[in-house]
């Protein structure tokens, strides 16, 4: 998975959060205008009702409170809840109590931060519960002022013009110069007293000239064409679902329209933006719909469940995506919405679920044995020094250690620093994995009291020639804790016959406190000498 695994494509709907629909007032004909806002694409890795995703475990279902689409299986957080659609129409909502998480058309005022409806009372528009795209303006069935008559003069009624305003009233004198009551003239026109040709009888009892195409009207009898459509006199009945007679620039002319059906005509089917119908400007009688090749929601994954793409059904709705549980040895391929065989180590991957090993570090890997990704991606065991064992970098044979658990072999042997290479070391023990032969510079034995002179070490024999230990000319040459010093002029009796150099003698031959006696050939005198160091403060020399 590139990034965070992300979830199921949900049931329906296109990509990311859409822009707010902007409504506007039409021109002279009063049509609703304004372009719909653009919607943003689905978030990376996280399915819009689609969007490419990897595993989506933990994402919220539609209707769950949210603050961002990345937390929703649908990829869309609208009106504070995970939603099945972009749902940004002026009269849509995804948080209605009876349809939480489902985008529906609402009645009354727009919800949340959507643009308010336009117009002025009593002709102000409102959401009608059917047209989710925009507010609907009252037509000429809504009266602004009633017809009236006073002082022999009649004033026509005014109605809403379908664009948020009232029509203009007309005042004229009664033919009798008298009012019958507060609403109409005395002796005016009626069914019994019809108006002349080219006129119509107004509700005030006054005959008025028939209106031409494009003139605002309330009833068919006002128009010379006998058709009052979309609040204007029209040249024909103009009743097709995708027709209009009050379009900007052509009031009074019946034309095929684009967008939502006009006025009280039946709305196009479909509530999901990707598949909803609209008038396409070609058919006057019916809405057009995206075909079955149009994607309603992208394929996706929800955990180990593969969710296929949902396509438009050509009637304004989406097909129901199929779901497939991915079993052992397979993983959910989000781009296809299907299950695929898991990948072997070394093959490029995007999520752990894709790998037979259960670990993805750009390629599938076994973190328990991979020296380049030991225990965690990017943890590298130094080549020739360590190996990855059970997810830990352990020292190879011959590498230093402080415990057996640090070694691949499970064996950590101790050695001691041996600077003078006399086979005896000194100081604290230093561990090395597995090896039993001391490495160069180390010894198996410890206890060297002078590691700068190879002649001095435990078990060393008596030395006839003293050597220095760190600049001192007296020393404990055999590291037994007894320090020998030099003295002269003390005899200890005649030596025995001396045939061999270096013959050890019994200490009793030289008296008390004698540690070692050595008979040694003195080449300069061509005879033997008897050397006996003592345990006390003397070095008895020359016992000839």
Protein backbone atom coordinates (compact mmCIF):
# COMPACT_ATOMS: atom_id res chain seq x y z
CA UNK A 1 0.00 0.00 0.00
CA UNK A 2 1.28 3.34 -0.93
CA UNK A 3 0.85 5.03 2.19
CA UNK A 4 -1.73 4.45 4.50
CA UNK A 5 -3.94 1.64 3.69
CA UNK A 6 -7.27 2.96 2.93
CA UNK A 7 -10.61 1.48 2.65
CA UNK A 8 -13.61 0.37 0.85
CA UNK A 9 -15.02 2.15 -2.08
CA UNK A 10 -18.40 2.38 -0.40
CA UNK A 11 -21.62 1.97 -2.32
CA UNK A 12 -21.74 4.87 -4.68
CA UNK A 13 -20.36 8.21 -5.68
CA UNK A 14 -17.45 9.90 -7.38
CA UNK A 15 -14.22 11.31 -6.08
CA UNK A 16 -13.38 13.96 -3.52
CA UNK A 17 -15.38 16.72 -1.97
CA UNK A 18 -17.14 18.81 -4.53
CA UNK A 19 -17.46 22.53 -4.71
CA UNK A 20 -20.63 24.20 -3.46
CA UNK A 21 -23.31 24.57 -6.11
CA UNK A 22 -23.77 28.21 -6.95
CA UNK A 23 -27.31 29.18 -7.75
CA UNK A 24 -28.23 32.28 -9.59
CA UNK A 25 -31.22 34.09 -10.97
CA UNK A 26 -31.96 33.61 -14.64
CA UNK A 27 -32.51 36.39 -17.10
CA UNK A 28 -35.78 37.84 -18.25
CA UNK A 29 -37.37 34.40 -18.38
CA UNK A 30 -36.51 33.76 -14.76
CA UNK A 31 -34.60 30.53 -15.33
CA UNK A 32 -32.28 29.30 -12.68
CA UNK A 33 -28.69 29.75 -13.73
CA UNK A 34 -25.22 29.48 -12.31
CA UNK A 35 -22.74 26.74 -12.79
CA UNK A 36 -22.23 23.90 -10.43
CA UNK A 37 -18.99 24.05 -8.47
CA UNK A 38 -16.23 21.69 -9.40
CA UNK A 39 -15.62 18.79 -7.11
CA UNK A 40 -12.19 17.83 -5.93
CA UNK A 41 -10.71 14.46 -6.75
CA UNK A 42 -10.67 11.61 -4.34
CA UNK A 43 -7.91 11.57 -1.76
CA UNK A 44 -4.70 9.65 -2.42
CA UNK A 45 -4.94 6.09 -1.33
CA UNK A 46 -8.26 6.47 0.07
CA UNK A 47 -11.21 5.69 -1.84
CA UNK A 48 -13.87 8.00 -2.81
CA UNK A 49 -16.73 6.01 -3.04
CA UNK A 50 -13.77 4.96 -4.99
CA UNK A 51 -10.24 6.32 -5.29
CA UNK A 52 -7.45 3.84 -5.32
CA UNK A 53 -6.93 2.30 -1.93
CA UNK A 54 -5.14 -0.46 -0.21
CA UNK A 55 -6.33 -2.17 2.92
CA UNK A 56 -8.95 0.00 4.57
CA UNK A 57 -9.28 -1.53 8.00
CA UNK A 58 -10.45 0.92 10.62
CA UNK A 59 -12.19 3.36 8.24
CA UNK A 60 -15.65 4.60 9.17
CA UNK A 61 -18.92 3.59 7.52
CA UNK A 62 -21.35 6.09 6.02
CA UNK A 63 -23.27 8.03 8.67
CA UNK A 64 -20.36 8.01 11.13
CA UNK A 65 -19.22 11.44 12.40
CA UNK A 66 -16.01 12.63 10.71
CA UNK A 67 -13.77 15.62 10.08
CA UNK A 68 -12.01 14.45 6.89
CA UNK A 69 -12.75 12.07 4.02
CA UNK A 70 -9.58 10.09 4.73
CA UNK A 71 -11.31 8.57 7.76
CA UNK A 72 -14.29 7.28 5.71
CA UNK A 73 -14.63 4.14 3.63
CA UNK A 74 -16.33 6.27 0.96
CA UNK A 75 -13.53 8.85 1.05
CA UNK A 76 -16.12 11.64 1.53
CA UNK A 77 -16.87 13.54 4.71
CA UNK A 78 -19.90 15.79 4.04
CA UNK A 79 -21.94 17.71 6.61
CA UNK A 80 -19.85 16.18 9.40
CA UNK A 81 -20.56 12.54 8.53
CA UNK A 82 -19.13 9.95 6.15
CA UNK A 83 -21.32 10.22 3.04
CA UNK A 84 -22.14 8.06 0.03
CA UNK A 85 -21.82 10.97 -2.42
CA UNK A 86 -20.17 14.35 -2.96
CA UNK A 87 -23.58 15.80 -2.01
CA UNK A 88 -22.84 19.48 -2.50
CA UNK A 89 -26.05 20.49 -4.27
CA UNK A 90 -27.64 23.62 -2.79
CA UNK A 91 -30.62 21.61 -1.58
CA UNK A 92 -28.84 18.38 -0.60
CA UNK A 93 -27.76 17.08 2.79
CA UNK A 94 -26.00 13.98 4.09
CA UNK A 95 -26.86 14.47 7.75
CA UNK A 96 -30.66 14.34 7.81
CA UNK A 97 -31.75 12.37 10.87
CA UNK A 98 -33.74 9.87 8.84
CA UNK A 99 -31.03 9.39 6.18
CA UNK A 100 -27.74 9.83 8.04
CA UNK A 101 -24.84 9.18 5.63
CA UNK A 102 -27.03 9.18 2.51
CA UNK A 103 -27.25 12.20 0.23
CA UNK A 104 -30.87 13.33 -0.13
CA UNK A 105 -32.78 16.35 -1.43
CA UNK A 106 -34.15 18.47 1.42
CA UNK A 107 -37.07 20.81 1.97
CA UNK A 108 -36.93 24.33 3.37
CA UNK A 109 -33.63 26.17 3.71
CA UNK A 110 -30.23 24.87 2.53
CA UNK A 111 -28.26 22.97 5.16
CA UNK A 112 -24.98 23.82 6.83
CA UNK A 113 -22.81 26.23 4.79
CA UNK A 114 -24.51 25.85 1.43
CA UNK A 115 -25.54 29.06 -0.36
CA UNK A 116 -28.88 30.46 0.88
CA UNK A 117 -31.87 30.56 -1.45
CA UNK A 118 -32.45 33.83 -3.36
CA UNK A 119 -35.48 36.01 -4.05
CA UNK A 120 -37.67 38.18 -1.84
CA UNK A 121 -40.83 37.28 0.02
CA UNK A 122 -43.34 36.07 -1.02
CA UNK A 123 -41.33 34.94 -4.06
CA UNK A 124 -38.23 33.77 -2.22
CA UNK A 125 -37.02 30.39 -3.38
CA UNK A 126 -36.71 27.35 -1.14
CA UNK A 127 -35.69 23.70 -1.30
CA UNK A 128 -38.65 21.64 -2.48
CA UNK A 129 -37.46 18.19 -1.39
CA UNK A 130 -37.12 17.02 -5.00
CA UNK A 131 -34.59 19.21 -6.78
CA UNK A 132 -31.35 18.77 -4.83
CA UNK A 133 -29.27 20.86 -7.21
CA UNK A 134 -30.79 24.26 -6.47
CA UNK A 135 -33.55 26.18 -4.72
CA UNK A 136 -36.91 26.41 -6.52
CA UNK A 137 -38.65 29.76 -7.07
CA UNK A 138 -42.47 30.08 -6.73
CA UNK A 139 -44.26 30.51 -10.07
CA UNK A 140 -47.38 32.48 -11.01
CA UNK A 141 -49.56 30.33 -8.81
CA UNK A 142 -48.19 32.30 -5.88
CA UNK A 143 -49.87 35.68 -5.60
CA UNK A 144 -48.05 38.78 -4.41
CA UNK A 145 -51.01 41.20 -4.32
CA UNK A 146 -54.68 40.61 -5.07
CA UNK A 147 -56.63 42.47 -7.72
CA UNK A 148 -58.39 45.58 -6.39
CA UNK A 149 -60.81 48.27 -7.43
CA UNK A 150 -61.23 51.77 -5.98
CA UNK A 151 -62.73 55.04 -7.22
CA UNK A 152 -63.68 53.52 -10.55
CA UNK A 153 -60.15 52.29 -11.24
CA UNK A 154 -59.06 48.60 -11.24
CA UNK A 155 -55.57 47.28 -10.44
CA UNK A 156 -54.52 43.84 -11.65
CA UNK A 157 -53.23 41.18 -9.30
CA UNK A 158 -49.47 40.46 -9.16
CA UNK A 159 -47.82 37.06 -8.90
CA UNK A 160 -44.33 35.62 -8.60
CA UNK A 161 -42.44 35.63 -11.89
CA UNK A 162 -40.53 32.39 -11.27
CA UNK A 163 -37.28 34.26 -10.67
CA UNK A 164 -37.80 35.52 -7.13
CA UNK A 165 -39.73 38.75 -7.82
CA UNK A 166 -43.33 39.90 -8.32
CA UNK A 167 -44.87 40.93 -11.63
CA UNK A 168 -45.82 44.56 -12.17
CA UNK A 169 -49.43 45.61 -11.48
CA UNK A 170 -51.48 47.45 -14.11
CA UNK A 171 -54.14 50.05 -13.20
CA UNK A 172 -56.91 51.04 -15.61
CA UNK A 173 -60.31 52.80 -15.46
CA UNK A 174 -63.48 50.74 -15.24
CA UNK A 175 -65.70 51.10 -18.34
CA UNK A 176 -68.54 52.16 -16.01
CA UNK A 177 -66.21 54.32 -13.96
CA UNK A 178 -67.55 52.42 -10.95
CA UNK A 179 -66.36 49.53 -8.83
CA UNK A 180 -68.68 46.66 -8.08
CA UNK A 181 -66.65 45.95 -4.92
CA UNK A 182 -63.08 46.24 -3.66
CA UNK A 183 -61.85 43.72 -6.22
CA UNK A 184 -63.50 44.43 -9.59
CA UNK A 185 -65.32 46.93 -11.76
CA UNK A 186 -69.07 47.33 -11.96
CA UNK A 187 -70.53 46.17 -15.24
CA UNK A 188 -67.23 44.83 -16.40
CA UNK A 189 -66.38 41.82 -18.55
CA UNK A 190 -67.41 38.32 -17.56
CA UNK A 191 -68.46 35.06 -19.08
CA UNK A 192 -71.77 36.68 -19.85
CA UNK A 193 -70.11 39.83 -21.18
CA UNK A 194 -67.03 38.63 -23.05
CA UNK A 195 -64.31 40.93 -24.28
CA UNK A 196 -63.81 41.74 -27.93
CA UNK A 197 -61.47 39.73 -30.16
CA UNK A 198 -57.85 40.35 -29.22
CA UNK A 199 -58.68 40.92 -25.58
CA UNK A 200 -59.02 38.88 -22.41
CA UNK A 201 -61.07 39.48 -19.32
CA UNK A 202 -58.95 40.28 -16.33
CA UNK A 203 -60.12 39.23 -12.86
CA UNK A 204 -60.81 42.89 -12.12
CA UNK A 205 -63.54 42.91 -14.79
CA UNK A 206 -61.47 44.90 -17.29
CA UNK A 207 -60.79 43.82 -20.87
CA UNK A 208 -57.09 43.92 -21.60
CA UNK A 209 -55.15 43.26 -24.83
CA UNK A 210 -53.98 39.68 -25.30
CA UNK A 211 -50.28 39.30 -24.46
CA UNK A 212 -47.58 38.46 -26.99
CA UNK A 213 -44.97 35.70 -26.66
CA UNK A 214 -42.45 36.35 -23.90
CA UNK A 215 -44.78 38.57 -21.86
CA UNK A 216 -45.33 37.56 -18.26
CA UNK A 217 -48.66 35.86 -17.63
CA UNK A 218 -50.69 33.94 -15.10
CA UNK A 219 -53.21 32.02 -17.23
CA UNK A 220 -53.50 30.68 -20.74
CA UNK A 221 -56.42 33.05 -21.57
CA UNK A 222 -54.07 36.05 -21.22
CA UNK A 223 -51.92 34.98 -24.20
CA UNK A 224 -52.67 35.34 -27.89
CA UNK A 225 -51.10 31.87 -28.30
CA UNK A 226 -53.36 30.47 -25.52
CA UNK A 227 -50.22 29.05 -23.80
CA UNK A 228 -48.89 30.51 -20.57
CA UNK A 229 -45.76 28.41 -19.86
CA UNK A 230 -42.95 29.08 -17.39
CA UNK A 231 -44.67 32.35 -16.39
CA UNK A 232 -44.57 33.79 -19.93
CA UNK A 233 -46.80 33.58 -23.00
CA UNK A 234 -45.32 30.81 -25.13
CA UNK A 235 -45.67 29.88 -28.79
CA UNK A 236 -46.57 26.27 -27.93
CA UNK A 237 -47.59 23.99 -25.08
CA UNK A 238 -43.85 23.30 -24.47
CA UNK A 239 -44.47 20.53 -21.95
CA UNK A 240 -41.46 18.26 -22.67
CA UNK A 241 -39.33 17.29 -19.66
CA UNK A 242 -36.33 19.05 -21.18
CA UNK A 243 -38.09 22.04 -22.74
CA UNK A 244 -38.34 25.62 -21.52
CA UNK A 245 -40.10 28.77 -22.70
CA UNK A 246 -38.40 31.35 -20.54
CA UNK A 247 -34.72 30.87 -21.32
CA UNK A 248 -32.36 33.80 -21.25
CA UNK A 249 -32.36 35.47 -24.67
CA UNK A 250 -35.38 33.53 -25.98
CA UNK A 251 -38.37 34.28 -23.68
CA UNK A 252 -41.62 33.04 -25.24
CA UNK A 253 -39.82 30.57 -27.54
CA UNK A 254 -39.99 26.87 -26.67
CA UNK A 255 -36.45 25.44 -26.75
CA UNK A 256 -34.68 22.25 -25.70
CA UNK A 257 -32.66 23.01 -22.56
CA UNK A 258 -29.56 21.76 -20.78
CA UNK A 259 -29.23 21.03 -17.07
CA UNK A 260 -32.16 20.51 -14.70
CA UNK A 261 -35.74 20.44 -16.02
CA UNK A 262 -37.45 23.83 -15.73
CA UNK A 263 -40.26 24.89 -13.45
CA UNK A 264 -42.68 22.18 -12.37
CA UNK A 265 -41.55 19.62 -14.93
CA UNK A 266 -40.55 16.20 -13.59
CA UNK A 267 -36.96 16.20 -12.25
CA UNK A 268 -34.35 13.88 -13.78
CA UNK A 269 -33.81 10.66 -11.82
CA UNK A 270 -30.71 9.92 -9.79
CA UNK A 271 -29.28 11.29 -6.55
CA UNK A 272 -25.66 10.17 -6.99
CA UNK A 273 -23.77 12.86 -8.85
CA UNK A 274 -21.79 10.50 -11.08
CA UNK A 275 -24.91 8.87 -12.50
CA UNK A 276 -27.65 11.49 -12.10
CA UNK A 277 -29.53 12.48 -15.25
CA UNK A 278 -29.79 15.93 -16.79
CA UNK A 279 -31.16 17.58 -19.87
CA UNK A 280 -28.43 17.36 -22.50
CA UNK A 281 -29.80 19.80 -25.06
CA UNK A 282 -30.65 17.08 -27.59
CA UNK A 283 -33.84 15.44 -26.33
CA UNK A 284 -36.84 17.64 -25.59
CA UNK A 285 -38.86 14.86 -24.01
CA UNK A 286 -36.53 13.13 -21.55
CA UNK A 287 -33.36 13.47 -19.49
CA UNK A 288 -30.09 11.90 -20.56
CA UNK A 289 -28.05 9.63 -18.26
CA UNK A 290 -24.40 8.53 -18.12
CA UNK A 291 -23.98 5.13 -19.76
CA UNK A 292 -22.90 1.89 -18.15
CA UNK A 293 -19.25 2.67 -18.89
CA UNK A 294 -19.36 5.57 -16.42
CA UNK A 295 -17.77 4.74 -13.07
CA UNK A 296 -19.90 5.43 -10.03
CA UNK A 297 -17.27 4.26 -7.51
CA UNK A 298 -13.76 2.94 -8.06
CA UNK A 299 -12.71 -0.58 -7.06
CA UNK A 300 -11.27 -0.72 -3.56
CA UNK A 301 -10.52 -2.81 -0.50
CA UNK A 302 -11.95 -2.96 2.99
CA UNK A 303 -9.42 -4.91 5.00
CA UNK A 304 -9.11 -8.26 3.21
CA UNK A 305 -12.40 -7.82 1.34
CA UNK A 306 -12.21 -6.84 -2.34
CA UNK A 307 -14.91 -4.46 -3.61
CA UNK A 308 -15.50 -4.21 -7.36
CA UNK A 309 -16.15 -0.98 -9.20
CA UNK A 310 -19.73 0.29 -9.25
CA UNK A 311 -20.94 1.50 -12.66
CA UNK A 312 -23.84 3.71 -13.64
CA UNK A 313 -26.92 1.76 -14.69
CA UNK A 314 -28.03 4.23 -17.37
CA UNK A 315 -31.10 5.21 -15.34
CA UNK A 316 -29.53 7.59 -12.85
CA UNK A 317 -28.35 5.10 -10.28
CA UNK A 318 -25.31 2.91 -9.57
CA UNK A 319 -24.93 -0.82 -9.79
CA UNK A 320 -24.22 -2.61 -6.50
CA UNK A 321 -20.53 -3.53 -6.26
CA UNK A 322 -19.62 -7.13 -5.56
CA UNK A 323 -17.54 -8.06 -2.51
CA UNK A 324 -15.09 -10.95 -2.27
CA UNK A 325 -13.24 -12.08 0.84
CA UNK A 326 -9.56 -12.77 0.08
CA UNK A 327 -8.46 -16.01 1.73
CA UNK A 328 -5.11 -17.44 2.77
CA UNK A 329 -2.33 -16.90 0.23
CA UNK A 330 -4.11 -13.97 -1.42
CA UNK A 331 -4.44 -10.23 -0.87
CA UNK A 332 -6.86 -7.54 -1.96
CA UNK A 333 -5.73 -5.71 -5.10
CA UNK A 334 -7.40 -2.31 -4.68
CA UNK A 335 -6.82 -1.12 -8.24
CA UNK A 336 -8.81 -4.07 -9.57
CA UNK A 337 -11.16 -4.67 -6.64
CA UNK A 338 -10.26 -8.35 -6.70
CA UNK A 339 -8.12 -10.92 -4.89
CA UNK A 340 -4.62 -11.76 -6.14
CA UNK A 341 -1.96 -14.27 -5.11
CA UNK A 342 0.50 -12.99 -2.51
CA UNK A 343 4.00 -12.07 -3.68
CA UNK A 344 7.29 -13.84 -3.01
CA UNK A 345 10.23 -12.17 -1.25
CA UNK A 346 12.12 -9.77 -3.49
CA UNK A 347 9.07 -8.74 -5.54
CA UNK A 348 8.04 -5.05 -5.46
CA UNK A 349 5.08 -4.37 -3.15
CA UNK A 350 3.06 -1.56 -1.55
CA UNK A 351 1.61 -3.20 1.57
CA UNK A 352 2.39 -5.98 4.02
CA UNK A 353 -0.77 -7.83 3.01
CA UNK A 354 0.63 -8.36 -0.50
CA UNK A 355 3.56 -10.50 0.73
CA UNK A 356 3.68 -14.15 1.70
CA UNK A 357 6.12 -13.09 4.43
CA UNK A 358 3.69 -10.47 5.73
CA UNK A 359 6.32 -7.73 5.42
CA UNK A 360 6.78 -5.12 2.68
CA UNK A 361 9.83 -2.83 2.60
CA UNK A 362 9.43 -1.69 -1.01
CA UNK A 363 9.89 -5.34 -1.87
CA UNK A 364 8.50 -8.32 0.01
CA UNK A 365 10.97 -9.40 2.68
CA UNK A 366 11.36 -11.72 5.67
CA UNK A 367 12.26 -9.38 8.52
CA UNK A 368 13.41 -12.31 10.66
CA UNK A 369 16.31 -13.20 8.33
CA UNK A 370 16.81 -10.29 5.90
CA UNK A 371 20.16 -8.60 6.65
CA UNK A 372 18.92 -5.41 4.93
CA UNK A 373 15.60 -5.18 6.82
CA UNK A 374 16.20 -6.95 10.10
CA UNK A 375 13.23 -6.59 12.41
CA UNK A 376 12.23 -3.32 10.73
CA UNK A 377 12.49 -1.85 7.25
CA UNK A 378 15.88 -0.20 6.76
CA UNK A 379 17.62 -1.90 9.70
CA UNK A 380 20.84 -3.19 8.09
CA UNK A 381 23.15 -5.77 9.67
CA UNK A 382 26.81 -4.87 8.79
CA UNK A 383 28.15 -7.26 6.18
CA UNK A 384 30.71 -9.72 7.51
CA UNK A 385 30.04 -8.73 11.10
CA UNK A 386 26.42 -9.51 11.88
CA UNK A 387 23.57 -11.71 10.68
CA UNK A 388 19.79 -11.29 11.04
CA UNK A 389 18.42 -13.99 13.31
CA UNK A 390 14.82 -13.90 14.55
CA UNK A 391 14.58 -10.23 13.60
CA UNK A 392 17.75 -9.18 15.47
CA UNK A 393 21.25 -8.37 14.18
CA UNK A 394 23.49 -10.90 15.98
CA UNK A 395 27.31 -10.95 15.90
CA UNK A 396 29.05 -13.47 13.62
CA UNK A 397 31.77 -15.86 14.87
CA UNK A 398 34.86 -13.96 16.00
CA UNK A 399 32.99 -10.66 16.61
CA UNK A 400 33.03 -9.12 20.07
CA UNK A 401 30.17 -9.84 22.45
CA UNK A 402 29.14 -9.27 26.03
CA UNK A 403 26.69 -12.16 26.32
CA UNK A 404 25.86 -15.39 24.53
CA UNK A 405 22.55 -13.92 23.37
CA UNK A 406 24.40 -11.44 21.15
CA UNK A 407 25.99 -14.19 19.06
CA UNK A 408 24.61 -16.11 16.10
CA UNK A 409 26.18 -19.26 17.60
CA UNK A 410 24.82 -18.58 21.07
CA UNK A 411 28.36 -18.89 22.49
CA UNK A 412 30.41 -15.97 23.86
CA UNK A 413 33.94 -16.88 25.09
CA UNK A 414 36.12 -14.55 27.17
CA UNK A 415 39.72 -13.53 26.44
CA UNK A 416 42.16 -10.99 27.92
CA UNK A 417 44.27 -8.29 26.33
CA UNK A 418 47.88 -9.59 25.87
CA UNK A 419 50.09 -6.70 24.71
CA UNK A 420 53.44 -8.48 25.14
CA UNK A 421 52.23 -11.72 23.48
CA UNK A 422 53.51 -13.91 26.33
CA UNK A 423 50.29 -15.95 26.48
CA UNK A 424 48.97 -14.17 29.56
CA UNK A 425 46.55 -11.27 29.51
CA UNK A 426 45.45 -8.60 31.89
CA UNK A 427 42.41 -6.42 32.66
CA UNK A 428 38.70 -7.15 32.20
CA UNK A 429 37.55 -10.05 30.07
CA UNK A 430 36.57 -9.33 26.44
CA UNK A 431 34.01 -11.65 24.80
CA UNK A 432 34.27 -13.07 21.26
CA UNK A 433 31.51 -15.10 19.62
CA UNK A 434 32.14 -18.88 19.45
CA UNK A 435 35.96 -18.95 18.80
CA UNK A 436 38.13 -20.87 21.32
CA UNK A 437 41.58 -19.77 20.08
CA UNK A 438 42.55 -16.34 21.37
CA UNK A 439 42.49 -13.63 18.68
CA UNK A 440 45.68 -11.67 17.97
CA UNK A 441 46.44 -9.38 20.92
CA UNK A 442 44.48 -11.53 23.38
CA UNK A 443 45.25 -14.52 25.61
CA UNK A 444 43.12 -17.24 27.13
CA UNK A 445 44.85 -16.95 30.53
CA UNK A 446 44.69 -13.90 32.76
CA UNK A 447 46.93 -12.57 35.57
CA UNK A 448 49.93 -10.99 33.79
CA UNK A 449 51.33 -8.41 36.24
CA UNK A 450 53.52 -6.71 33.63
CA UNK A 451 52.03 -6.83 30.14
CA UNK A 452 54.87 -4.80 28.65
CA UNK A 453 57.58 -7.45 29.21
CA UNK A 454 57.09 -10.96 27.80
CA UNK A 455 59.57 -12.41 30.37
CA UNK A 456 57.22 -11.51 33.21
CA UNK A 457 54.07 -13.60 33.66
CA UNK A 458 52.64 -16.26 35.95
CA UNK A 459 54.91 -19.32 36.18
CA UNK A 460 57.96 -17.57 34.77
CA UNK A 461 61.36 -19.02 35.88
CA UNK A 462 64.07 -17.05 37.73
CA UNK A 463 65.69 -14.39 35.57
CA UNK A 464 69.48 -13.85 35.86
CA UNK A 465 69.25 -10.55 34.10
CA UNK A 466 66.72 -8.15 35.39
CA UNK A 467 64.59 -6.28 32.85
CA UNK A 468 62.43 -3.21 33.22
CA UNK A 469 58.65 -3.22 33.77
CA UNK A 470 57.28 0.14 32.86
CA UNK A 471 60.62 1.74 33.80
CA UNK A 472 61.05 -0.07 37.16
CA UNK A 473 64.11 -2.37 37.46
CA UNK A 474 62.74 -4.46 40.27
CA UNK A 475 59.75 -6.66 39.74
CA UNK A 476 57.70 -9.70 40.63
CA UNK A 477 58.89 -11.69 37.63
CA UNK A 478 56.50 -14.64 38.15
CA UNK A 479 53.51 -12.51 39.21
CA UNK A 480 53.12 -14.40 42.50
CA UNK A 481 52.92 -11.24 44.58
CA UNK A 482 56.51 -11.52 45.92
CA UNK A 483 58.67 -8.71 44.62
CA UNK A 484 62.41 -9.61 44.25
CA UNK A 485 65.13 -6.97 44.84
CA UNK A 486 68.94 -7.09 44.33
CA UNK A 487 71.54 -7.54 47.13
CA UNK A 488 75.22 -8.67 47.12
CA UNK A 489 77.84 -10.07 49.50
CA UNK A 490 75.81 -12.80 51.12
CA UNK A 491 77.10 -16.38 50.82
CA UNK A 492 75.09 -19.50 51.30
CA UNK A 493 77.67 -22.26 51.26
CA UNK A 494 79.43 -24.11 48.51
CA UNK A 495 77.35 -24.99 45.45
CA UNK A 496 76.87 -28.50 44.32
CA UNK A 497 78.43 -29.75 41.16
CA UNK A 498 76.96 -27.89 38.23
CA UNK A 499 76.83 -29.79 34.97
CA UNK A 500 73.83 -28.18 33.34
CA UNK A 501 72.70 -24.66 32.96
CA UNK A 502 69.46 -23.70 34.62
CA UNK A 503 69.29 -26.59 37.06
CA UNK A 504 66.81 -25.90 39.84
CA UNK A 505 68.17 -26.57 43.31
CA UNK A 506 66.48 -27.30 46.57
CA UNK A 507 65.96 -23.99 48.46
CA UNK A 508 67.27 -25.61 51.64
CA UNK A 509 70.75 -25.57 50.15
CA UNK A 510 70.79 -21.81 50.62
CA UNK A 511 69.08 -21.40 53.96
CA UNK A 512 65.81 -19.94 55.11
CA UNK A 513 63.47 -17.75 53.01
CA UNK A 514 64.96 -19.00 49.77
CA UNK A 515 62.33 -19.09 47.03
CA UNK A 516 64.25 -20.64 44.12
CA UNK A 517 67.87 -21.55 43.46
CA UNK A 518 69.27 -21.95 39.99
CA UNK A 519 72.71 -23.27 39.09
CA UNK A 520 73.85 -21.44 35.99
CA UNK A 521 77.02 -21.58 33.92
CA UNK A 522 79.01 -18.35 33.93
CA UNK A 523 80.87 -18.26 30.65
CA UNK A 524 83.18 -15.45 31.62
CA UNK A 525 84.57 -17.42 34.59
CA UNK A 526 84.25 -20.79 32.97
CA UNK A 527 82.48 -22.11 36.04
CA UNK A 528 79.08 -22.33 37.65
CA UNK A 529 77.35 -19.78 39.85
CA UNK A 530 74.62 -20.31 42.35
CA UNK A 531 71.79 -17.75 42.28
CA UNK A 532 69.13 -17.75 44.96
CA UNK A 533 66.48 -15.00 45.17
CA UNK A 534 64.87 -14.74 48.58
CA UNK A 535 61.37 -14.03 49.70
CA UNK A 536 62.77 -11.22 51.79
CA UNK A 537 64.79 -8.16 50.93
CA UNK A 538 67.72 -9.84 49.28
CA UNK A 539 69.05 -11.29 46.09
CA UNK A 540 71.81 -13.66 47.10
CA UNK A 541 74.28 -13.79 44.36
CA UNK A 542 77.58 -15.47 43.72
CA UNK A 543 77.35 -18.41 46.13
CA UNK A 544 80.52 -19.95 44.63
